[in-house]
Protein backbone atom coordinates (compact mmCIF):
# COMPACT_ATOMS: atom_id res chain seq x y z
CA ASP A 1 12.21 7.03 1.34
CA ASN A 2 14.94 5.17 3.25
CA MET A 3 16.21 8.43 4.73
CA ASP A 4 12.66 9.45 5.71
CA GLY A 5 12.21 6.13 7.46
CA ARG A 6 15.37 6.60 9.50
CA ALA A 7 14.95 10.27 10.39
CA LEU A 8 14.26 10.88 14.07
CA THR A 9 10.99 12.77 14.43
CA CYS A 10 10.75 13.09 18.21
CA ILE A 11 12.75 12.37 21.38
CA VAL A 12 11.34 12.63 24.92
CA MET A 13 12.99 12.12 28.29
CA THR A 14 11.59 9.16 30.21
CA GLN A 15 13.93 9.30 33.19
CA VAL A 16 15.84 12.38 34.26
CA GLY A 17 19.37 11.29 35.05
CA GLN A 18 22.52 13.01 36.19
CA TYR A 19 25.67 14.61 34.80
CA VAL A 20 28.46 14.90 37.36
CA ARG A 21 32.04 16.21 37.39
CA PRO A 22 34.19 16.35 40.54
CA THR A 23 34.37 20.14 40.16
CA ASP A 24 30.55 20.58 40.18
CA GLN A 25 28.48 21.74 43.11
CA VAL A 26 28.20 19.10 45.83
CA ASP A 27 24.82 17.35 45.92
CA LEU A 28 23.50 13.81 46.43
CA ALA A 29 24.40 12.79 42.85
CA MET A 30 27.96 14.04 43.39
CA ILE A 31 28.32 12.18 46.70
CA ALA A 32 27.00 8.94 45.18
CA ALA A 33 29.30 9.20 42.13
CA ILE A 34 32.37 9.95 44.25
CA GLY A 35 31.55 7.04 46.54
CA ARG A 36 31.25 4.58 43.65
CA LYS A 37 34.45 5.77 42.01
CA THR A 38 36.41 5.66 45.29
CA VAL A 39 35.27 2.11 46.05
CA MET A 40 36.06 0.87 42.55
CA GLU A 41 39.30 2.76 41.79
CA GLY A 42 40.69 4.11 45.06
CA SER A 43 40.69 7.53 46.72
CA GLY A 44 43.17 9.07 44.24
CA SER A 45 40.84 8.46 41.29
CA VAL A 46 38.54 11.36 42.21
CA SER A 47 41.33 13.94 42.39
CA ARG A 48 42.73 12.69 39.05
CA ALA A 49 39.27 12.99 37.49
CA ALA A 50 39.01 16.58 38.79
CA ARG A 51 42.41 17.55 37.32
CA GLU A 52 41.53 15.97 33.96
CA LYS A 53 37.95 17.34 34.02
CA ARG A 54 36.47 13.90 33.61
CA ILE A 55 32.82 13.02 33.98
CA ILE A 56 32.31 10.66 36.92
CA GLY A 57 28.57 10.16 36.63
CA CYS A 58 26.15 10.35 33.71
CA SER A 59 22.83 8.58 33.19
CA CYS A 60 19.36 9.04 31.74
CA GLU A 61 16.66 7.26 29.74
CA PHE A 62 14.81 8.54 26.67
CA ALA A 63 12.34 7.39 24.04
CA ALA A 64 12.56 8.07 20.31
CA ILE A 65 10.39 7.60 17.25
CA SER A 66 11.54 7.76 13.66
CA GLY A 67 10.06 8.05 10.20
CA LYS A 68 7.50 5.42 9.26
CA HIS A 69 8.34 2.97 12.03
CA LYS A 70 5.72 1.24 14.16
CA VAL A 71 7.88 1.10 17.29
CA VAL A 72 9.06 3.43 20.01
CA LYS A 73 12.63 2.68 21.06
CA ILE A 74 13.60 3.15 24.70
CA TRP A 75 17.29 4.00 25.17
CA SER A 76 19.44 4.25 28.28
CA MET A 77 22.61 6.31 28.60
CA LYS A 78 25.29 5.38 31.12
CA HIS A 79 28.68 6.85 31.89
CA VAL A 80 31.85 5.05 30.85
CA ASP A 81 35.07 6.11 32.57
CA ARG A 82 37.35 7.13 29.69
CA ASN A 83 39.85 9.90 29.16
CA PRO A 84 38.01 12.85 27.53
CA LEU A 85 41.11 13.60 25.45
CA GLU A 86 40.71 10.28 23.67
CA GLU A 87 38.53 10.18 20.57
CA CYS A 88 35.78 7.98 21.98
CA ASN A 89 32.37 8.30 23.55
CA LEU A 90 32.14 9.13 27.25
CA VAL A 91 28.80 7.33 27.53
CA ASP A 92 27.34 4.08 26.29
CA ILE A 93 23.85 4.26 24.77
CA THR A 94 21.89 1.01 24.79
CA MET A 95 18.45 0.20 23.42
CA GLU A 96 16.47 -1.30 26.30
CA GLN A 97 13.04 -1.98 24.81
CA GLU A 98 10.78 -1.56 21.78
CA LEU A 99 7.13 -0.55 22.19
CA SER A 100 4.97 -1.60 19.24
CA HIS A 101 1.94 -0.13 17.46
CA ASP A 102 -0.11 -1.63 14.63
CA MET A 103 0.51 1.47 12.50
CA ALA A 104 3.33 4.00 12.10
CA ILE A 105 3.74 6.21 15.17
CA GLU A 106 3.34 9.95 14.63
CA SER A 107 3.71 11.45 18.13
CA ILE A 108 4.94 10.74 21.64
CA ALA A 109 4.82 12.43 25.05
CA SER A 110 6.19 11.71 28.53
CA SER A 111 4.31 12.49 31.75
CA PRO A 112 5.69 15.14 34.16
CA GLY A 113 6.81 12.40 36.56
CA ASN A 114 8.36 10.32 33.74
CA GLU A 115 6.30 7.29 34.80
CA MET A 116 3.97 7.21 31.77
CA LEU A 117 4.29 7.50 27.99
CA LEU A 118 1.69 8.32 25.37
CA THR A 119 2.14 7.26 21.75
CA GLY A 120 -0.19 8.18 18.89
CA ASP A 121 -0.30 6.52 15.47
CA ARG A 122 -1.48 7.57 12.03
CA MET A 123 -4.80 5.68 12.29
CA GLY A 124 -5.96 7.55 15.39
CA ASP A 125 -4.99 5.15 18.17
CA VAL A 126 -3.26 6.34 21.35
CA ARG A 127 -1.50 3.94 23.71
CA LEU A 128 -0.77 4.64 27.35
CA TRP A 129 2.39 2.98 28.64
CA CYS A 130 3.42 2.69 32.29
CA CYS A 131 6.86 1.71 33.55
CA GLY A 132 7.78 -0.66 36.32
CA LYS A 133 10.82 -2.41 37.69
CA ASN A 134 11.48 -5.97 38.82
CA VAL A 135 11.73 -5.67 42.60
CA PHE A 136 13.69 -8.93 42.68
CA LEU A 137 16.31 -7.54 40.25
CA PRO A 138 17.06 -3.98 41.47
CA SER A 139 19.85 -3.53 38.92
CA SER A 140 17.58 -4.37 35.97
CA SER A 141 16.28 -1.69 33.62
CA ARG A 142 12.72 -0.40 33.83
CA GLN A 143 10.12 -2.12 31.65
CA TRP A 144 7.22 -0.43 29.88
CA THR A 145 3.83 -2.12 29.41
CA CYS A 146 0.72 -0.92 27.56
CA GLN A 147 -2.04 -0.16 30.07
CA ARG A 148 -4.77 1.24 27.82
CA VAL A 149 -5.58 1.99 24.18
CA PHE A 150 -7.64 5.06 23.20
CA SER A 151 -9.11 5.48 19.74
CA TRP A 152 -10.40 8.65 18.11
CA ARG A 153 -12.41 6.69 15.56
CA SER A 154 -15.09 4.14 16.34
CA LYS A 155 -14.14 0.54 15.65
CA PHE A 156 -17.52 0.12 13.95
CA ASP A 157 -17.03 2.96 11.46
CA LEU A 158 -16.49 1.77 7.91
CA MET A 159 -14.16 4.15 6.09
CA SER A 160 -11.32 4.14 3.59
CA VAL A 161 -7.69 4.18 4.66
CA ASP A 162 -7.36 7.80 3.48
CA ASP A 163 -10.37 8.83 5.59
CA SER A 164 -9.01 6.93 8.62
CA MET A 165 -5.69 8.71 8.33
CA GLN A 166 -7.45 12.04 8.96
CA PHE A 167 -7.56 10.83 12.58
CA ALA A 168 -3.75 10.49 12.69
CA ILE A 169 -2.42 11.72 16.04
CA THR A 170 0.05 14.37 14.93
CA SER A 171 0.56 15.91 18.38
CA ILE A 172 0.04 14.77 21.94
CA GLU A 173 0.80 16.23 25.38
CA PHE A 174 0.14 15.54 29.06
CA LEU A 175 -1.76 18.18 31.03
CA GLY A 176 -0.57 16.97 34.42
CA GLU A 177 -0.57 13.27 35.35
CA LYS A 178 -4.26 12.48 34.74
CA ILE A 179 -5.27 14.47 31.66
CA PHE A 180 -3.84 14.67 28.15
CA VAL A 181 -4.73 16.31 24.86
CA THR A 182 -4.31 15.03 21.32
CA GLY A 183 -4.31 16.81 17.98
CA SER A 184 -5.29 15.06 14.76
CA LYS A 185 -4.31 15.50 11.13
CA SER A 186 -7.78 16.93 10.50
CA GLY A 187 -6.92 19.85 12.81
CA ASN A 188 -9.14 18.90 15.75
CA LEU A 189 -8.22 18.59 19.44
CA ARG A 190 -9.56 16.13 21.98
CA VAL A 191 -9.06 16.04 25.75
CA TRP A 192 -8.75 12.65 27.44
CA SER A 193 -8.36 11.22 30.93
CA THR A 194 -5.74 8.54 31.53
CA ASP A 195 -8.43 6.41 33.22
CA GLY A 196 -10.16 6.01 29.87
CA GLU A 197 -12.75 8.79 29.85
CA THR A 198 -13.10 11.05 26.79
CA GLY A 199 -13.51 14.76 27.37
CA GLU A 200 -14.31 17.65 25.11
CA THR A 201 -13.56 17.65 21.38
CA ILE A 202 -12.58 21.00 19.88
CA ASP A 203 -13.20 21.22 16.13
CA LYS A 204 -11.21 23.59 13.98
CA GLU A 205 -13.08 26.54 12.59
């Protein structure tokens, strides 16, 4: 049971980052990474990094759910300038935030623009999360807040826990930025709008 609780069940990208070496094709990410490294370490640092095939820029953000946990963990990955021949990580991975549900989370999806997250739990609730950044602290990490809660089951329905768990959201996916679809443990699909409207329900045959 302990291993099941720790096992990662899903990882989604929440911010597409960059992976840059001095020998890669020149683009805006390359120019920015070279500029930062030159300012911090001098002009010779870039040529040394090229000879030693070092990474000079690496960053991204992702969300993960695991086992029977009631939280989504948001992680950031940032490059650390170390010699690749040394036995150490070339990036630092830091947990930035935890997003909570009342019940264990079964599924997660990220919007095409990486500005929204959907999380579905085993009692049929779906939460829509939107990210924002403190404009007064540009260097701060993005923060996620719950904007809306969708529920497959009516709050007024009286049912056992086992019956409620038939509504568990076992799969979820964005269909563009405004529409998403969920699949339940019972085998049914439902289409939703991010503004709160419920669309068509497709029952299994």
